[in-house]
Amino acid sequence: MYRVKVTVESIAGECAAGCRIGDVFYYEDGSITVADARTRLCAYGLAAVIPYLAAYCRRGEAGDWIGGIERLACPDPANNVVFRLERSEA
């Protein structure tokens, strides 16, 4: 299993939950931890990202499509938050 670092890469507008560019959280073994106590997690952004994280942290077959994902976005069309995903060894 990989540990996944999720970073807020960009925000089109202003996130209603208070996410900021550079905010980081980690997904590992089904748990989320934040890198900084000031990090805000948007429930809608998490709802969009978590289904992919569960698969992204697993070691798949070579060429598996999930390994090619680098960015995911929240569903807010007016204030879209883009999250960058990075795998690391757990």
N, C-alpha and C. Protein backbone atom coordinates (compact mmCIF):
# COMPACT_ATOMS: atom_id res chain seq x y z
N MET A 1 0.84 -1.19 0.00
CA MET A 1 0.00 0.00 0.00
C MET A 1 0.88 1.25 0.00
N TYR A 2 0.42 2.24 -0.71
CA TYR A 2 1.10 3.53 -0.73
C TYR A 2 0.47 4.47 0.28
N ARG A 3 1.25 5.43 0.70
CA ARG A 3 0.72 6.58 1.43
C ARG A 3 0.48 7.64 0.36
N VAL A 4 -0.65 8.34 0.43
CA VAL A 4 -0.97 9.34 -0.60
C VAL A 4 -0.99 10.72 0.03
N LYS A 5 -0.18 11.60 -0.54
CA LYS A 5 -0.18 13.01 -0.14
C LYS A 5 -1.13 13.75 -1.07
N VAL A 6 -2.06 14.49 -0.51
CA VAL A 6 -3.03 15.25 -1.28
C VAL A 6 -2.82 16.73 -0.99
N THR A 7 -2.50 17.50 -2.01
CA THR A 7 -2.20 18.92 -1.87
C THR A 7 -3.20 19.75 -2.65
N VAL A 8 -3.70 20.82 -2.04
CA VAL A 8 -4.55 21.76 -2.78
C VAL A 8 -3.64 22.51 -3.74
N GLU A 9 -3.84 22.27 -5.03
CA GLU A 9 -2.96 22.85 -6.05
C GLU A 9 -3.47 24.19 -6.57
N SER A 10 -4.79 24.29 -6.74
CA SER A 10 -5.34 25.55 -7.24
C SER A 10 -6.79 25.68 -6.79
N ILE A 11 -7.26 26.92 -6.77
CA ILE A 11 -8.65 27.21 -6.43
C ILE A 11 -9.15 28.27 -7.40
N ALA A 12 -10.22 27.94 -8.11
CA ALA A 12 -10.85 28.91 -9.00
C ALA A 12 -11.92 29.62 -8.19
N GLY A 13 -11.62 30.80 -7.72
CA GLY A 13 -12.54 31.51 -6.84
C GLY A 13 -12.09 31.38 -5.40
N GLU A 14 -13.05 31.13 -4.51
CA GLU A 14 -12.75 31.01 -3.09
C GLU A 14 -13.50 29.81 -2.52
N CYS A 15 -12.78 28.90 -1.89
CA CYS A 15 -13.39 27.71 -1.30
C CYS A 15 -14.23 28.11 -0.10
N ALA A 16 -15.50 27.73 -0.10
CA ALA A 16 -16.41 28.08 0.99
C ALA A 16 -15.99 27.45 2.32
N ALA A 17 -15.26 26.33 2.25
CA ALA A 17 -14.82 25.64 3.47
C ALA A 17 -13.50 26.20 3.99
N GLY A 18 -12.87 27.07 3.22
CA GLY A 18 -11.62 27.67 3.68
C GLY A 18 -10.35 26.97 3.24
N CYS A 19 -10.44 26.04 2.28
CA CYS A 19 -9.23 25.41 1.75
C CYS A 19 -8.33 26.48 1.15
N ARG A 20 -7.02 26.29 1.31
CA ARG A 20 -6.04 27.24 0.76
C ARG A 20 -5.04 26.49 -0.11
N ILE A 21 -4.54 27.16 -1.12
CA ILE A 21 -3.50 26.57 -1.96
C ILE A 21 -2.34 26.20 -1.05
N GLY A 22 -1.85 24.98 -1.23
CA GLY A 22 -0.75 24.47 -0.41
C GLY A 22 -1.19 23.63 0.77
N ASP A 23 -2.49 23.66 1.12
CA ASP A 23 -2.97 22.78 2.20
C ASP A 23 -2.69 21.33 1.83
N VAL A 24 -2.31 20.53 2.82
CA VAL A 24 -1.93 19.13 2.59
C VAL A 24 -2.65 18.23 3.58
N PHE A 25 -3.11 17.08 3.08
CA PHE A 25 -3.52 16.00 3.98
C PHE A 25 -3.02 14.69 3.39
N TYR A 26 -2.98 13.67 4.23
CA TYR A 26 -2.46 12.36 3.83
C TYR A 26 -3.54 11.30 4.00
N TYR A 27 -3.54 10.35 3.08
CA TYR A 27 -4.44 9.19 3.16
C TYR A 27 -3.56 7.95 3.26
N GLU A 28 -3.78 7.16 4.32
CA GLU A 28 -3.00 5.95 4.51
C GLU A 28 -3.82 4.96 5.34
N ASP A 29 -3.91 3.74 4.85
CA ASP A 29 -4.63 2.67 5.56
C ASP A 29 -6.04 3.09 5.96
N GLY A 30 -6.73 3.81 5.09
CA GLY A 30 -8.11 4.20 5.35
C GLY A 30 -8.29 5.38 6.28
N SER A 31 -7.19 6.02 6.66
CA SER A 31 -7.26 7.17 7.58
C SER A 31 -6.73 8.43 6.91
N ILE A 32 -7.27 9.56 7.35
CA ILE A 32 -6.81 10.86 6.87
C ILE A 32 -6.14 11.59 8.02
N THR A 33 -4.96 12.14 7.74
CA THR A 33 -4.27 13.00 8.70
C THR A 33 -3.94 14.31 8.00
N VAL A 34 -3.93 15.39 8.76
CA VAL A 34 -3.59 16.69 8.19
C VAL A 34 -2.15 17.04 8.56
N ALA A 35 -1.49 17.78 7.68
CA ALA A 35 -0.10 18.15 7.89
C ALA A 35 0.04 19.34 8.82
N ASP A 36 -1.02 20.13 8.94
CA ASP A 36 -0.96 21.38 9.70
C ASP A 36 -2.32 21.59 10.34
N ALA A 37 -2.34 22.03 11.58
CA ALA A 37 -3.61 22.23 12.29
C ALA A 37 -4.49 23.28 11.62
N ARG A 38 -3.91 24.14 10.77
CA ARG A 38 -4.69 25.17 10.08
C ARG A 38 -5.37 24.64 8.81
N THR A 39 -5.03 23.42 8.40
CA THR A 39 -5.60 22.84 7.19
C THR A 39 -7.10 22.63 7.35
N ARG A 40 -7.86 23.11 6.38
CA ARG A 40 -9.32 22.94 6.37
C ARG A 40 -9.65 21.87 5.34
N LEU A 41 -10.52 20.95 5.72
CA LEU A 41 -10.96 19.90 4.81
C LEU A 41 -12.42 20.15 4.45
N CYS A 42 -12.69 20.27 3.18
CA CYS A 42 -14.05 20.49 2.69
C CYS A 42 -14.74 19.13 2.53
N ALA A 43 -15.91 18.98 3.11
CA ALA A 43 -16.65 17.71 3.03
C ALA A 43 -16.97 17.34 1.58
N TYR A 44 -17.30 18.32 0.75
CA TYR A 44 -17.62 18.04 -0.66
C TYR A 44 -16.38 17.64 -1.44
N GLY A 45 -15.27 18.30 -1.17
CA GLY A 45 -14.01 17.93 -1.81
C GLY A 45 -13.58 16.53 -1.41
N LEU A 46 -13.69 16.22 -0.13
CA LEU A 46 -13.35 14.88 0.35
C LEU A 46 -14.25 13.82 -0.28
N ALA A 47 -15.54 14.12 -0.39
CA ALA A 47 -16.47 13.17 -0.98
C ALA A 47 -16.11 12.86 -2.43
N ALA A 48 -15.55 13.82 -3.14
CA ALA A 48 -15.15 13.62 -4.52
C ALA A 48 -13.83 12.85 -4.62
N VAL A 49 -12.94 13.03 -3.66
CA VAL A 49 -11.59 12.49 -3.72
C VAL A 49 -11.47 11.09 -3.11
N ILE A 50 -12.14 10.84 -2.01
CA ILE A 50 -11.93 9.60 -1.25
C ILE A 50 -12.16 8.32 -2.06
N PRO A 51 -13.19 8.21 -2.91
CA PRO A 51 -13.35 6.95 -3.66
C PRO A 51 -12.12 6.61 -4.50
N TYR A 52 -11.44 7.60 -5.03
CA TYR A 52 -10.24 7.35 -5.82
C TYR A 52 -9.05 7.00 -4.94
N LEU A 53 -8.95 7.64 -3.77
CA LEU A 53 -7.82 7.39 -2.88
C LEU A 53 -7.77 5.94 -2.43
N ALA A 54 -8.94 5.35 -2.18
CA ALA A 54 -8.98 3.96 -1.74
C ALA A 54 -8.33 3.03 -2.77
N ALA A 55 -8.50 3.32 -4.04
CA ALA A 55 -7.88 2.52 -5.09
C ALA A 55 -6.47 2.99 -5.40
N TYR A 56 -6.23 4.29 -5.34
CA TYR A 56 -4.94 4.88 -5.70
C TYR A 56 -3.82 4.42 -4.76
N CYS A 57 -4.14 4.11 -3.51
CA CYS A 57 -3.11 3.72 -2.55
C CYS A 57 -2.68 2.27 -2.73
N ARG A 58 -3.41 1.50 -3.51
CA ARG A 58 -3.06 0.09 -3.72
C ARG A 58 -2.06 -0.06 -4.86
N ARG A 59 -1.29 -1.12 -4.78
CA ARG A 59 -0.36 -1.44 -5.86
C ARG A 59 -1.12 -2.25 -6.91
N GLY A 60 -1.30 -1.66 -8.07
CA GLY A 60 -2.06 -2.32 -9.12
C GLY A 60 -1.16 -2.94 -10.17
N GLU A 61 -1.79 -3.48 -11.17
CA GLU A 61 -1.08 -4.05 -12.31
C GLU A 61 -0.39 -2.93 -13.09
N ALA A 62 0.67 -3.26 -13.78
CA ALA A 62 1.34 -2.28 -14.64
C ALA A 62 0.34 -1.78 -15.67
N GLY A 63 0.27 -0.48 -15.86
CA GLY A 63 -0.64 0.12 -16.82
C GLY A 63 -2.05 0.34 -16.30
N ASP A 64 -2.30 0.02 -15.03
CA ASP A 64 -3.62 0.24 -14.45
C ASP A 64 -3.94 1.73 -14.50
N TRP A 65 -5.14 2.08 -14.92
CA TRP A 65 -5.52 3.48 -15.13
C TRP A 65 -5.45 4.31 -13.85
N ILE A 66 -5.69 3.71 -12.69
CA ILE A 66 -5.73 4.50 -11.45
C ILE A 66 -4.37 5.12 -11.14
N GLY A 67 -3.29 4.45 -11.53
CA GLY A 67 -1.96 4.99 -11.28
C GLY A 67 -1.64 6.22 -12.11
N GLY A 68 -2.41 6.45 -13.17
CA GLY A 68 -2.18 7.61 -14.02
C GLY A 68 -2.86 8.88 -13.55
N ILE A 69 -3.69 8.77 -12.52
CA ILE A 69 -4.38 9.95 -12.01
C ILE A 69 -3.39 10.80 -11.22
N GLU A 70 -3.33 12.08 -11.52
CA GLU A 70 -2.45 12.99 -10.79
C GLU A 70 -3.24 14.09 -10.10
N ARG A 71 -4.44 14.37 -10.60
CA ARG A 71 -5.23 15.46 -10.04
C ARG A 71 -6.70 15.06 -10.00
N LEU A 72 -7.38 15.54 -8.95
CA LEU A 72 -8.82 15.39 -8.81
C LEU A 72 -9.38 16.73 -8.40
N ALA A 73 -10.67 16.94 -8.60
CA ALA A 73 -11.27 18.24 -8.29
C ALA A 73 -12.56 18.07 -7.52
N CYS A 74 -12.88 19.08 -6.73
CA CYS A 74 -14.15 19.09 -6.01
C CYS A 74 -15.27 19.41 -7.01
N PRO A 75 -16.52 19.15 -6.65
CA PRO A 75 -17.62 19.33 -7.60
C PRO A 75 -18.17 20.75 -7.71
N ASP A 76 -17.61 21.72 -7.01
CA ASP A 76 -18.13 23.09 -7.05
C ASP A 76 -17.68 23.77 -8.34
N PRO A 77 -18.59 24.01 -9.29
CA PRO A 77 -18.18 24.59 -10.57
C PRO A 77 -17.75 26.05 -10.49
N ALA A 78 -18.22 26.79 -9.50
CA ALA A 78 -17.88 28.20 -9.39
C ALA A 78 -16.59 28.43 -8.60
N ASN A 79 -16.26 27.53 -7.70
CA ASN A 79 -15.08 27.68 -6.83
C ASN A 79 -14.31 26.37 -6.79
N ASN A 80 -13.97 25.87 -7.95
CA ASN A 80 -13.36 24.56 -8.11
C ASN A 80 -12.00 24.47 -7.42
N VAL A 81 -11.84 23.47 -6.56
CA VAL A 81 -10.57 23.20 -5.89
C VAL A 81 -9.94 21.98 -6.56
N VAL A 82 -8.68 22.11 -6.98
CA VAL A 82 -7.97 21.00 -7.62
C VAL A 82 -6.96 20.45 -6.63
N PHE A 83 -6.99 19.12 -6.45
CA PHE A 83 -6.11 18.42 -5.53
C PHE A 83 -5.07 17.64 -6.33
N ARG A 84 -3.79 17.76 -5.97
CA ARG A 84 -2.71 16.99 -6.60
C ARG A 84 -2.42 15.76 -5.73
N LEU A 85 -2.30 14.59 -6.35
CA LEU A 85 -2.04 13.34 -5.64
C LEU A 85 -0.60 12.91 -5.87
N GLU A 86 0.04 12.44 -4.79
CA GLU A 86 1.41 11.92 -4.89
C GLU A 86 1.51 10.68 -4.02
N ARG A 87 2.00 9.60 -4.61
CA ARG A 87 2.21 8.36 -3.87
C ARG A 87 3.60 8.35 -3.24
N SER A 88 3.71 7.69 -2.09
CA SER A 88 5.01 7.43 -1.48
C SER A 88 4.93 6.09 -0.78
N GLU A 89 6.07 5.50 -0.51
CA GLU A 89 6.09 4.21 0.19
C GLU A 89 5.56 4.39 1.60
N ALA A 90 4.70 3.49 2.02
CA ALA A 90 4.12 3.56 3.37
C ALA A 90 5.10 3.07 4.41
